[in-house]
Amino acid sequence: MSAFEKVCKLADIPDEGVIGVEVGETPVALVRKGDEVFALHDICSHAEVKLSEGEVYDGTLECWLHGSCFDIHTGKPTGPPATQPVNVYTVKIDGDDVLVSLSKES
């Protein structure tokens, strides 16, 4: 059984933008693309900085520090310097609410 936690309203996330939230004690970056929202671990696998302070473009989230980009669907880096993916999490939209599950069984 997976537990979803309400983290924000859809309108809180700018279209083609990103915000950082906490799910329990886990930092999560929420990326919005139209009516879809993607959730990634909010710490860069290369430099230990918040990805939610970066930019979204062309289906990726770019780390502001060294420019590593992560695919918003898979969490995999699309180029150096990062070589390790970040976790991605399951998102549900319930009306105007954005819910995230950290469970792998979602």
PDB file of N, CA and C in Angstrom:
ATOM      1  N   MET A   1       0.844  -1.180   0.000  1.00  0.00           N
ATOM      2  CA  MET A   1       0.000   0.000   0.000  1.00  0.00           C
ATOM      3  C   MET A   1       0.890   1.245   0.000  1.00  0.00           C
ATOM      4  N   SER A   2       0.564   2.195  -0.859  1.00  0.00           N
ATOM      5  CA  SER A   2       1.365   3.417  -0.952  1.00  0.00           C
ATOM      6  C   SER A   2       0.630   4.570  -0.292  1.00  0.00           C
ATOM      7  N   ALA A   3       1.376   5.417   0.357  1.00  0.00           N
ATOM      8  CA  ALA A   3       0.779   6.567   1.034  1.00  0.00           C
ATOM      9  C   ALA A   3       1.102   7.837   0.253  1.00  0.00           C
ATOM     10  N   PHE A   4       0.064   8.525  -0.155  1.00  0.00           N
ATOM     11  CA  PHE A   4       0.242   9.797  -0.844  1.00  0.00           C
ATOM     12  C   PHE A   4       0.049  10.919   0.157  1.00  0.00           C
ATOM     13  N   GLU A   5       0.897  11.934   0.047  1.00  0.00           N
ATOM     14  CA  GLU A   5       0.820  13.097   0.929  1.00  0.00           C
ATOM     15  C   GLU A   5       0.557  14.343   0.091  1.00  0.00           C
ATOM     16  N   LYS A   6      -0.424  15.132   0.532  1.00  0.00           N
ATOM     17  CA  LYS A   6      -0.698  16.391  -0.147  1.00  0.00           C
ATOM     18  C   LYS A   6       0.463  17.337   0.118  1.00  0.00           C
ATOM     19  N   VAL A   7       1.031  17.916  -0.965  1.00  0.00           N
ATOM     20  CA  VAL A   7       2.208  18.768  -0.803  1.00  0.00           C
ATOM     21  C   VAL A   7       1.983  20.212  -1.226  1.00  0.00           C
ATOM     22  N   CYS A   8       1.017  20.458  -2.130  1.00  0.00           N
ATOM     23  CA  CYS A   8       0.746  21.820  -2.581  1.00  0.00           C
ATOM     24  C   CYS A   8      -0.485  21.832  -3.472  1.00  0.00           C
ATOM     25  N   LYS A   9      -0.834  22.994  -3.960  1.00  0.00           N
ATOM     26  CA  LYS A   9      -1.865  23.164  -4.978  1.00  0.00           C
ATOM     27  C   LYS A   9      -1.176  23.192  -6.338  1.00  0.00           C
ATOM     28  N   LEU A  10      -1.873  22.745  -7.372  1.00  0.00           N
ATOM     29  CA  LEU A  10      -1.308  22.755  -8.722  1.00  0.00           C
ATOM     30  C   LEU A  10      -0.866  24.166  -9.121  1.00  0.00           C
ATOM     31  N   ALA A  11      -1.669  25.159  -8.744  1.00  0.00           N
ATOM     32  CA  ALA A  11      -1.358  26.547  -9.097  1.00  0.00           C
ATOM     33  C   ALA A  11      -0.092  27.066  -8.417  1.00  0.00           C
ATOM     34  N   ASP A  12       0.386  26.372  -7.366  1.00  0.00           N
ATOM     35  CA  ASP A  12       1.614  26.796  -6.686  1.00  0.00           C
ATOM     36  C   ASP A  12       2.865  26.552  -7.535  1.00  0.00           C
ATOM     37  N   ILE A  13       2.739  25.662  -8.513  1.00  0.00           N
ATOM     38  CA  ILE A  13       3.891  25.315  -9.359  1.00  0.00           C
ATOM     39  C   ILE A  13       3.749  26.050 -10.687  1.00  0.00           C
ATOM     40  N   PRO A  14       4.691  26.923 -11.022  1.00  0.00           N
ATOM     41  CA  PRO A  14       4.582  27.622 -12.313  1.00  0.00           C
ATOM     42  C   PRO A  14       4.707  26.647 -13.477  1.00  0.00           C
ATOM     43  N   ASP A  15       3.931  26.879 -14.543  1.00  0.00           N
ATOM     44  CA  ASP A  15       4.030  26.026 -15.721  1.00  0.00           C
ATOM     45  C   ASP A  15       5.450  26.140 -16.288  1.00  0.00           C
ATOM     46  N   GLU A  16       6.027  24.976 -16.613  1.00  0.00           N
ATOM     47  CA  GLU A  16       7.421  24.892 -17.064  1.00  0.00           C
ATOM     48  C   GLU A  16       8.380  25.378 -15.978  1.00  0.00           C
ATOM     49  N   GLY A  17       7.955  25.236 -14.715  1.00  0.00           N
ATOM     50  CA  GLY A  17       8.771  25.670 -13.584  1.00  0.00           C
ATOM     51  C   GLY A  17       8.897  24.583 -12.537  1.00  0.00           C
ATOM     52  N   VAL A  18       9.552  24.929 -11.437  1.00  0.00           N
ATOM     53  CA  VAL A  18       9.853  23.968 -10.379  1.00  0.00           C
ATOM     54  C   VAL A  18       9.728  24.644  -9.023  1.00  0.00           C
ATOM     55  N   ILE A  19       9.270  23.869  -8.028  1.00  0.00           N
ATOM     56  CA  ILE A  19       9.310  24.313  -6.633  1.00  0.00           C
ATOM     57  C   ILE A  19       9.842  23.155  -5.792  1.00  0.00           C
ATOM     58  N   GLY A  20      10.351  23.494  -4.626  1.00  0.00           N
ATOM     59  CA  GLY A  20      10.812  22.490  -3.684  1.00  0.00           C
ATOM     60  C   GLY A  20       9.811  22.325  -2.560  1.00  0.00           C
ATOM     61  N   VAL A  21       9.552  21.075  -2.169  1.00  0.00           N
ATOM     62  CA  VAL A  21       8.667  20.762  -1.050  1.00  0.00           C
ATOM     63  C   VAL A  21       9.329  19.675  -0.217  1.00  0.00           C
ATOM     64  N   GLU A  22       8.738  19.399   0.933  1.00  0.00           N
ATOM     65  CA  GLU A  22       9.193  18.291   1.773  1.00  0.00           C
ATOM     66  C   GLU A  22       8.075  17.268   1.862  1.00  0.00           C
ATOM     67  N   VAL A  23       8.403  16.001   1.701  1.00  0.00           N
ATOM     68  CA  VAL A  23       7.471  14.910   1.955  1.00  0.00           C
ATOM     69  C   VAL A  23       8.069  14.162   3.132  1.00  0.00           C
ATOM     70  N   GLY A  24       7.471  14.373   4.299  1.00  0.00           N
ATOM     71  CA  GLY A  24       8.120  13.911   5.519  1.00  0.00           C
ATOM     72  C   GLY A  24       9.414  14.690   5.674  1.00  0.00           C
ATOM     73  N   GLU A  25      10.525  13.986   5.713  1.00  0.00           N
ATOM     74  CA  GLU A  25      11.827  14.652   5.788  1.00  0.00           C
ATOM     75  C   GLU A  25      12.578  14.583   4.464  1.00  0.00           C
ATOM     76  N   THR A  26      11.904  14.161   3.403  1.00  0.00           N
ATOM     77  CA  THR A  26      12.541  14.001   2.100  1.00  0.00           C
ATOM     78  C   THR A  26      12.315  15.234   1.231  1.00  0.00           C
ATOM     79  N   PRO A  27      13.390  15.862   0.758  1.00  0.00           N
ATOM     80  CA  PRO A  27      13.231  17.002  -0.144  1.00  0.00           C
ATOM     81  C   PRO A  27      12.833  16.533  -1.543  1.00  0.00           C
ATOM     82  N   VAL A  28      11.795  17.174  -2.098  1.00  0.00           N
ATOM     83  CA  VAL A  28      11.258  16.784  -3.402  1.00  0.00           C
ATOM     84  C   VAL A  28      11.132  18.024  -4.281  1.00  0.00           C
ATOM     85  N   ALA A  29      11.600  17.911  -5.521  1.00  0.00           N
ATOM     86  CA  ALA A  29      11.425  18.968  -6.517  1.00  0.00           C
ATOM     87  C   ALA A  29      10.210  18.600  -7.370  1.00  0.00           C
ATOM     88  N   LEU A  30       9.246  19.525  -7.464  1.00  0.00           N
ATOM     89  CA  LEU A  30       8.056  19.312  -8.285  1.00  0.00           C
ATOM     90  C   LEU A  30       8.177  20.154  -9.544  1.00  0.00           C
ATOM     91  N   VAL A  31       8.111  19.496 -10.691  1.00  0.00           N
ATOM     92  CA  VAL A  31       8.213  20.159 -11.984  1.00  0.00           C
ATOM     93  C   VAL A  31       6.853  20.071 -12.663  1.00  0.00           C
ATOM     94  N   ARG A  32       6.375  21.207 -13.153  1.00  0.00           N
ATOM     95  CA  ARG A  32       5.085  21.225 -13.846  1.00  0.00           C
ATOM     96  C   ARG A  32       5.289  21.427 -15.342  1.00  0.00           C
ATOM     97  N   LYS A  33       4.577  20.611 -16.102  1.00  0.00           N
ATOM     98  CA  LYS A  33       4.572  20.730 -17.560  1.00  0.00           C
ATOM     99  C   LYS A  33       3.105  20.645 -17.983  1.00  0.00           C
ATOM    100  N   GLY A  34       2.472  21.810 -18.153  1.00  0.00           N
ATOM    101  CA  GLY A  34       1.039  21.842 -18.433  1.00  0.00           C
ATOM    102  C   GLY A  34       0.265  21.355 -17.227  1.00  0.00           C
ATOM    103  N   ASP A  35      -0.553  20.325 -17.433  1.00  0.00           N
ATOM    104  CA  ASP A  35      -1.334  19.754 -16.330  1.00  0.00           C
ATOM    105  C   ASP A  35      -0.639  18.562 -15.679  1.00  0.00           C
ATOM    106  N   GLU A  36       0.585  18.261 -16.114  1.00  0.00           N
ATOM    107  CA  GLU A  36       1.337  17.153 -15.529  1.00  0.00           C
ATOM    108  C   GLU A  36       2.346  17.684 -14.514  1.00  0.00           C
ATOM    109  N   VAL A  37       2.563  16.899 -13.463  1.00  0.00           N
ATOM    110  CA  VAL A  37       3.562  17.243 -12.461  1.00  0.00           C
ATOM    111  C   VAL A  37       4.469  16.035 -12.271  1.00  0.00           C
ATOM    112  N   PHE A  38       5.758  16.301 -12.195  1.00  0.00           N
ATOM    113  CA  PHE A  38       6.762  15.262 -12.003  1.00  0.00           C
ATOM    114  C   PHE A  38       7.502  15.554 -10.702  1.00  0.00           C
ATOM    115  N   ALA A  39       7.846  14.502  -9.968  1.00  0.00           N
ATOM    116  CA  ALA A  39       8.523  14.653  -8.687  1.00  0.00           C
ATOM    117  C   ALA A  39       9.868  13.940  -8.728  1.00  0.00           C
ATOM    118  N   LEU A  40      10.911  14.682  -8.368  1.00  0.00           N
ATOM    119  CA  LEU A  40      12.269  14.142  -8.321  1.00  0.00           C
ATOM    120  C   LEU A  40      12.874  14.466  -6.967  1.00  0.00           C
ATOM    121  N   HIS A  41      13.830  13.646  -6.558  1.00  0.00           N
ATOM    122  CA  HIS A  41      14.569  13.958  -5.330  1.00  0.00           C
ATOM    123  C   HIS A  41      15.238  15.317  -5.521  1.00  0.00           C
ATOM    124  N   ASP A  42      15.128  16.173  -4.520  1.00  0.00           N
ATOM    125  CA  ASP A  42      15.552  17.573  -4.668  1.00  0.00           C
ATOM    126  C   ASP A  42      17.014  17.815  -4.314  1.00  0.00           C
ATOM    127  N   ILE A  43      17.832  16.788  -4.389  1.00  0.00           N
ATOM    128  CA  ILE A  43      19.270  16.974  -4.157  1.00  0.00           C
ATOM    129  C   ILE A  43      20.023  16.400  -5.353  1.00  0.00           C
ATOM    130  N   CYS A  44      20.847  17.228  -5.976  1.00  0.00           N
ATOM    131  CA  CYS A  44      21.640  16.799  -7.125  1.00  0.00           C
ATOM    132  C   CYS A  44      22.557  15.647  -6.722  1.00  0.00           C
ATOM    133  N   SER A  45      22.617  14.626  -7.564  1.00  0.00           N
ATOM    134  CA  SER A  45      23.473  13.468  -7.266  1.00  0.00           C
ATOM    135  C   SER A  45      24.957  13.775  -7.444  1.00  0.00           C
ATOM    136  N   HIS A  46      25.267  14.905  -8.026  1.00  0.00           N
ATOM    137  CA  HIS A  46      26.653  15.285  -8.252  1.00  0.00           C
ATOM    138  C   HIS A  46      27.178  16.237  -7.187  1.00  0.00           C
ATOM    139  N   ALA A  47      26.361  17.230  -6.783  1.00  0.00           N
ATOM    140  CA  ALA A  47      26.914  18.310  -5.962  1.00  0.00           C
ATOM    141  C   ALA A  47      26.177  18.599  -4.667  1.00  0.00           C
ATOM    142  N   GLU A  48      25.162  17.785  -4.308  1.00  0.00           N
ATOM    143  CA  GLU A  48      24.470  17.970  -3.033  1.00  0.00           C
ATOM    144  C   GLU A  48      23.853  19.362  -2.864  1.00  0.00           C
ATOM    145  N   VAL A  49      23.275  19.908  -3.931  1.00  0.00           N
ATOM    146  CA  VAL A  49      22.548  21.171  -3.857  1.00  0.00           C
ATOM    147  C   VAL A  49      21.117  20.928  -4.347  1.00  0.00           C
ATOM    148  N   LYS A  50      20.220  21.857  -4.012  1.00  0.00           N
ATOM    149  CA  LYS A  50      18.809  21.697  -4.354  1.00  0.00           C
ATOM    150  C   LYS A  50      18.564  21.885  -5.852  1.00  0.00           C
ATOM    151  N   LEU A  51      17.989  20.860  -6.459  1.00  0.00           N
ATOM    152  CA  LEU A  51      17.624  20.948  -7.872  1.00  0.00           C
ATOM    153  C   LEU A  51      16.490  21.945  -8.092  1.00  0.00           C
ATOM    154  N   SER A  52      15.651  22.149  -7.076  1.00  0.00           N
ATOM    155  CA  SER A  52      14.513  23.061  -7.224  1.00  0.00           C
ATOM    156  C   SER A  52      14.946  24.517  -7.385  1.00  0.00           C
ATOM    157  N   GLU A  53      16.226  24.792  -7.201  1.00  0.00           N
ATOM    158  CA  GLU A  53      16.740  26.141  -7.439  1.00  0.00           C
ATOM    159  C   GLU A  53      17.254  26.298  -8.871  1.00  0.00           C
ATOM    160  N   GLY A  54      17.099  25.235  -9.666  1.00  0.00           N
ATOM    161  CA  GLY A  54      17.559  25.244 -11.054  1.00  0.00           C
ATOM    162  C   GLY A  54      16.464  25.625 -12.027  1.00  0.00           C
ATOM    163  N   GLU A  55      16.712  25.330 -13.298  1.00  0.00           N
ATOM    164  CA  GLU A  55      15.806  25.700 -14.387  1.00  0.00           C
ATOM    165  C   GLU A  55      15.247  24.447 -15.056  1.00  0.00           C
ATOM    166  N   VAL A  56      14.037  24.586 -15.602  1.00  0.00           N
ATOM    167  CA  VAL A  56      13.385  23.509 -16.343  1.00  0.00           C
ATOM    168  C   VAL A  56      13.426  23.862 -17.823  1.00  0.00           C
ATOM    169  N   TYR A  57      13.884  22.918 -18.650  1.00  0.00           N
ATOM    170  CA  TYR A  57      13.774  23.108 -20.089  1.00  0.00           C
ATOM    171  C   TYR A  57      13.887  21.772 -20.809  1.00  0.00           C
ATOM    172  N   ASP A  58      13.126  21.656 -21.876  1.00  0.00           N
ATOM    173  CA  ASP A  58      13.190  20.505 -22.771  1.00  0.00           C
ATOM    174  C   ASP A  58      13.097  19.171 -22.020  1.00  0.00           C
ATOM    175  N   GLY A  59      12.184  19.092 -21.049  1.00  0.00           N
ATOM    176  CA  GLY A  59      11.979  17.838 -20.330  1.00  0.00           C
ATOM    177  C   GLY A  59      13.036  17.497 -19.313  1.00  0.00           C
ATOM    178  N   THR A  60      13.876  18.483 -18.961  1.00  0.00           N
ATOM    179  CA  THR A  60      14.917  18.238 -17.958  1.00  0.00           C
ATOM    180  C   THR A  60      14.877  19.308 -16.868  1.00  0.00           C
ATOM    181  N   LEU A  61      15.459  18.956 -15.740  1.00  0.00           N
ATOM    182  CA  LEU A  61      15.673  19.890 -14.638  1.00  0.00           C
ATOM    183  C   LEU A  61      17.179  20.070 -14.494  1.00  0.00           C
ATOM    184  N   GLU A  62      17.628  21.316 -14.637  1.00  0.00           N
ATOM    185  CA  GLU A  62      19.063  21.607 -14.615  1.00  0.00           C
ATOM    186  C   GLU A  62      19.501  22.067 -13.235  1.00  0.00           C
ATOM    187  N   CYS A  63      20.557  21.452 -12.730  1.00  0.00           N
ATOM    188  CA  CYS A  63      21.169  21.896 -11.471  1.00  0.00           C
ATOM    189  C   CYS A  63      21.861  23.229 -11.722  1.00  0.00           C
ATOM    190  N   TRP A  64      21.605  24.181 -10.859  1.00  0.00           N
ATOM    191  CA  TRP A  64      22.130  25.535 -11.034  1.00  0.00           C
ATOM    192  C   TRP A  64      23.638  25.619 -10.822  1.00  0.00           C
ATOM    193  N   LEU A  65      24.226  24.673 -10.095  1.00  0.00           N
ATOM    194  CA  LEU A  65      25.631  24.815  -9.725  1.00  0.00           C
ATOM    195  C   LEU A  65      26.597  24.442 -10.850  1.00  0.00           C
ATOM    196  N   HIS A  66      26.453  23.251 -11.411  1.00  0.00           N
ATOM    197  CA  HIS A  66      27.383  22.797 -12.453  1.00  0.00           C
ATOM    198  C   HIS A  66      26.709  22.454 -13.768  1.00  0.00           C
ATOM    199  N   GLY A  67      25.384  22.622 -13.840  1.00  0.00           N
ATOM    200  CA  GLY A  67      24.687  22.409 -15.102  1.00  0.00           C
ATOM    201  C   GLY A  67      24.282  20.981 -15.418  1.00  0.00           C
ATOM    202  N   SER A  68      24.368  20.074 -14.440  1.00  0.00           N
ATOM    203  CA  SER A  68      23.867  18.719 -14.685  1.00  0.00           C
ATOM    204  C   SER A  68      22.369  18.795 -14.949  1.00  0.00           C
ATOM    205  N   CYS A  69      21.898  18.051 -15.945  1.00  0.00           N
ATOM    206  CA  CYS A  69      20.469  18.013 -16.265  1.00  0.00           C
ATOM    207  C   CYS A  69      19.937  16.612 -15.999  1.00  0.00           C
ATOM    208  N   PHE A  70      18.730  16.559 -15.435  1.00  0.00           N
ATOM    209  CA  PHE A  70      18.089  15.290 -15.107  1.00  0.00           C
ATOM    210  C   PHE A  70      16.755  15.198 -15.829  1.00  0.00           C
ATOM    211  N   ASP A  71      16.510  14.065 -16.486  1.00  0.00           N
ATOM    212  CA  ASP A  71      15.247  13.826 -17.166  1.00  0.00           C
ATOM    213  C   ASP A  71      14.128  13.826 -16.131  1.00  0.00           C
ATOM    214  N   ILE A  72      13.076  14.622 -16.352  1.00  0.00           N
ATOM    215  CA  ILE A  72      12.018  14.738 -15.339  1.00  0.00           C
ATOM    216  C   ILE A  72      11.160  13.471 -15.259  1.00  0.00           C
ATOM    217  N   HIS A  73      11.217  12.609 -16.275  1.00  0.00           N
ATOM    218  CA  HIS A  73      10.445  11.363 -16.248  1.00  0.00           C
ATOM    219  C   HIS A  73      11.189  10.235 -15.536  1.00  0.00           C
ATOM    220  N   THR A  74      12.504  10.183 -15.714  1.00  0.00           N
ATOM    221  CA  THR A  74      13.283   9.042 -15.223  1.00  0.00           C
ATOM    222  C   THR A  74      14.266   9.391 -14.106  1.00  0.00           C
ATOM    223  N   GLY A  75      14.627  10.663 -13.974  1.00  0.00           N
ATOM    224  CA  GLY A  75      15.647  11.062 -13.012  1.00  0.00           C
ATOM    225  C   GLY A  75      17.066  10.833 -13.488  1.00  0.00           C
ATOM    226  N   LYS A  76      17.225  10.273 -14.688  1.00  0.00           N
ATOM    227  CA  LYS A  76      18.567   9.980 -15.200  1.00  0.00           C
ATOM    228  C   LYS A  76      19.242  11.249 -15.697  1.00  0.00           C
ATOM    229  N   PRO A  77      20.550  11.378 -15.439  1.00  0.00           N
ATOM    230  CA  PRO A  77      21.266  12.537 -15.972  1.00  0.00           C
ATOM    231  C   PRO A  77      21.357  12.438 -17.493  1.00  0.00           C
ATOM    232  N   THR A  78      21.227  13.587 -18.158  1.00  0.00           N
ATOM    233  CA  THR A  78      21.301  13.600 -19.618  1.00  0.00           C
ATOM    234  C   THR A  78      22.684  14.013 -20.107  1.00  0.00           C
ATOM    235  N   GLY A  79      23.579  14.329 -19.187  1.00  0.00           N
ATOM    236  CA  GLY A  79      24.950  14.683 -19.535  1.00  0.00           C
ATOM    237  C   GLY A  79      25.741  14.982 -18.279  1.00  0.00           C
ATOM    238  N   PRO A  80      27.056  15.116 -18.421  1.00  0.00           N
ATOM    239  CA  PRO A  80      27.914  15.375 -17.270  1.00  0.00           C
ATOM    240  C   PRO A  80      27.676  16.772 -16.694  1.00  0.00           C
ATOM    241  N   PRO A  81      28.128  17.013 -15.470  1.00  0.00           N
ATOM    242  CA  PRO A  81      29.028  16.143 -14.716  1.00  0.00           C
ATOM    243  C   PRO A  81      28.328  15.043 -13.917  1.00  0.00           C
ATOM    244  N   ALA A  82      27.015  15.081 -13.713  1.00  0.00           N
ATOM    245  CA  ALA A  82      26.345  14.018 -12.953  1.00  0.00           C
ATOM    246  C   ALA A  82      26.373  12.714 -13.745  1.00  0.00           C
ATOM    247  N   THR A  83      26.583  11.605 -13.034  1.00  0.00           N
ATOM    248  CA  THR A  83      26.550  10.287 -13.661  1.00  0.00           C
ATOM    249  C   THR A  83      25.518   9.384 -13.012  1.00  0.00           C
ATOM    250  N   GLN A  84      25.029   9.751 -11.825  1.00  0.00           N
ATOM    251  CA  GLN A  84      24.047   8.950 -11.098  1.00  0.00           C
ATOM    252  C   GLN A  84      22.671   9.601 -11.192  1.00  0.00           C
ATOM    253  N   PRO A  85      21.601   8.811 -11.352  1.00  0.00           N
ATOM    254  CA  PRO A  85      20.253   9.383 -11.397  1.00  0.00           C
ATOM    255  C   PRO A  85      19.799   9.844 -10.013  1.00  0.00           C
ATOM    256  N   VAL A  86      18.747  10.642 -10.002  1.00  0.00           N
ATOM    257  CA  VAL A  86      18.056  10.983  -8.755  1.00  0.00           C
ATOM    258  C   VAL A  86      16.752  10.195  -8.741  1.00  0.00           C
ATOM    259  N   ASN A  87      16.235   9.924  -7.557  1.00  0.00           N
ATOM    260  CA  ASN A  87      14.970   9.200  -7.439  1.00  0.00           C
ATOM    261  C   ASN A  87      13.835  10.017  -8.025  1.00  0.00           C
ATOM    262  N   VAL A  88      12.885   9.316  -8.623  1.00  0.00           N
ATOM    263  CA  VAL A  88      11.638   9.942  -9.052  1.00  0.00           C
ATOM    264  C   VAL A  88      10.518   9.330  -8.217  1.00  0.00           C
ATOM    265  N   TYR A  89       9.468  10.109  -8.003  1.00  0.00           N
ATOM    266  CA  TYR A  89       8.372   9.689  -7.146  1.00  0.00           C
ATOM    267  C   TYR A  89       7.053   9.787  -7.897  1.00  0.00           C
ATOM    268  N   THR A  90       6.064   9.052  -7.430  1.00  0.00           N
ATOM    269  CA  THR A  90       4.752   9.032  -8.060  1.00  0.00           C
ATOM    270  C   THR A  90       3.943  10.242  -7.620  1.00  0.00           C
ATOM    271  N   VAL A  91       3.281  10.875  -8.600  1.00  0.00           N
ATOM    272  CA  VAL A  91       2.456  12.058  -8.345  1.00  0.00           C
ATOM    273  C   VAL A  91       1.022  11.753  -8.753  1.00  0.00           C
ATOM    274  N   LYS A  92       0.078  12.217  -7.940  1.00  0.00           N
ATOM    275  CA  LYS A  92      -1.338  12.190  -8.290  1.00  0.00           C
ATOM    276  C   LYS A  92      -1.874  13.607  -8.169  1.00  0.00           C
ATOM    277  N   ILE A  93      -2.777  13.958  -9.083  1.00  0.00           N
ATOM    278  CA  ILE A  93      -3.484  15.228  -8.994  1.00  0.00           C
ATOM    279  C   ILE A  93      -4.908  14.899  -8.578  1.00  0.00           C
ATOM    280  N   ASP A  94      -5.363  15.501  -7.485  1.00  0.00           N
ATOM    281  CA  ASP A  94      -6.716  15.287  -6.975  1.00  0.00           C
ATOM    282  C   ASP A  94      -7.408  16.639  -6.921  1.00  0.00           C
ATOM    283  N   GLY A  95      -8.159  16.964  -7.972  1.00  0.00           N
ATOM    284  CA  GLY A  95      -8.748  18.296  -8.073  1.00  0.00           C
ATOM    285  C   GLY A  95      -7.630  19.301  -8.300  1.00  0.00           C
ATOM    286  N   ASP A  96      -7.447  20.202  -7.334  1.00  0.00           N
ATOM    287  CA  ASP A  96      -6.362  21.182  -7.401  1.00  0.00           C
ATOM    288  C   ASP A  96      -5.162  20.781  -6.552  1.00  0.00           C
ATOM    289  N   ASP A  97      -5.259  19.652  -5.859  1.00  0.00           N
ATOM    290  CA  ASP A  97      -4.205  19.226  -4.943  1.00  0.00           C
ATOM    291  C   ASP A  97      -3.182  18.332  -5.639  1.00  0.00           C
ATOM    292  N   VAL A  98      -1.912  18.544  -5.303  1.00  0.00           N
ATOM    293  CA  VAL A  98      -0.826  17.700  -5.788  1.00  0.00           C
ATOM    294  C   VAL A  98      -0.413  16.790  -4.639  1.00  0.00           C
ATOM    295  N   LEU A  99      -0.429  15.486  -4.896  1.00  0.00           N
ATOM    296  CA  LEU A  99      -0.055  14.494  -3.895  1.00  0.00           C
ATOM    297  C   LEU A  99       1.151  13.705  -4.396  1.00  0.00           C
ATOM    298  N   VAL A 100       2.054  13.375  -3.480  1.00  0.00           N
ATOM    299  CA  VAL A 100       3.278  12.641  -3.833  1.00  0.00           C
ATOM    300  C   VAL A 100       3.404  11.431  -2.931  1.00  0.00           C
ATOM    301  N   SER A 101       3.824  10.318  -3.516  1.00  0.00           N
ATOM    302  CA  SER A 101       4.149   9.111  -2.756  1.00  0.00           C
ATOM    303  C   SER A 101       5.631   8.813  -2.939  1.00  0.00           C
ATOM    304  N   LEU A 102       6.303   8.535  -1.833  1.00  0.00           N
ATOM    305  CA  LEU A 102       7.712   8.158  -1.891  1.00  0.00           C
ATOM    306  C   LEU A 102       7.871   6.652  -2.069  1.00  0.00           C
ATOM    307  N   SER A 103       6.770   5.909  -1.946  1.00  0.00           N
ATOM    308  CA  SER A 103       6.801   4.460  -2.020  1.00  0.00           C
ATOM    309  C   SER A 103       7.149   3.994  -3.424  1.00  0.00           C
ATOM    310  N   LYS A 104       7.927   2.941  -3.504  1.00  0.00           N
ATOM    311  CA  LYS A 104       8.276   2.337  -4.794  1.00  0.00           C
ATOM    312  C   LYS A 104       7.128   1.497  -5.322  1.00  0.00           C
ATOM    313  N   GLU A 105       6.110   1.258  -4.476  1.00  0.00           N
ATOM    314  CA  GLU A 105       4.992   0.370  -4.847  1.00  0.00           C
ATOM    315  C   GLU A 105       3.813   1.149  -5.384  1.00  0.00           C
ATOM    316  N   SER A 106       3.957   2.442  -5.657  1.00  0.00           N
ATOM    317  CA  SER A 106       2.821   3.264  -6.084  1.00  0.00           C
ATOM    318  C   SER A 106       2.286   2.729  -7.332  1.00  0.00           C
TER     319      SER A 106
END
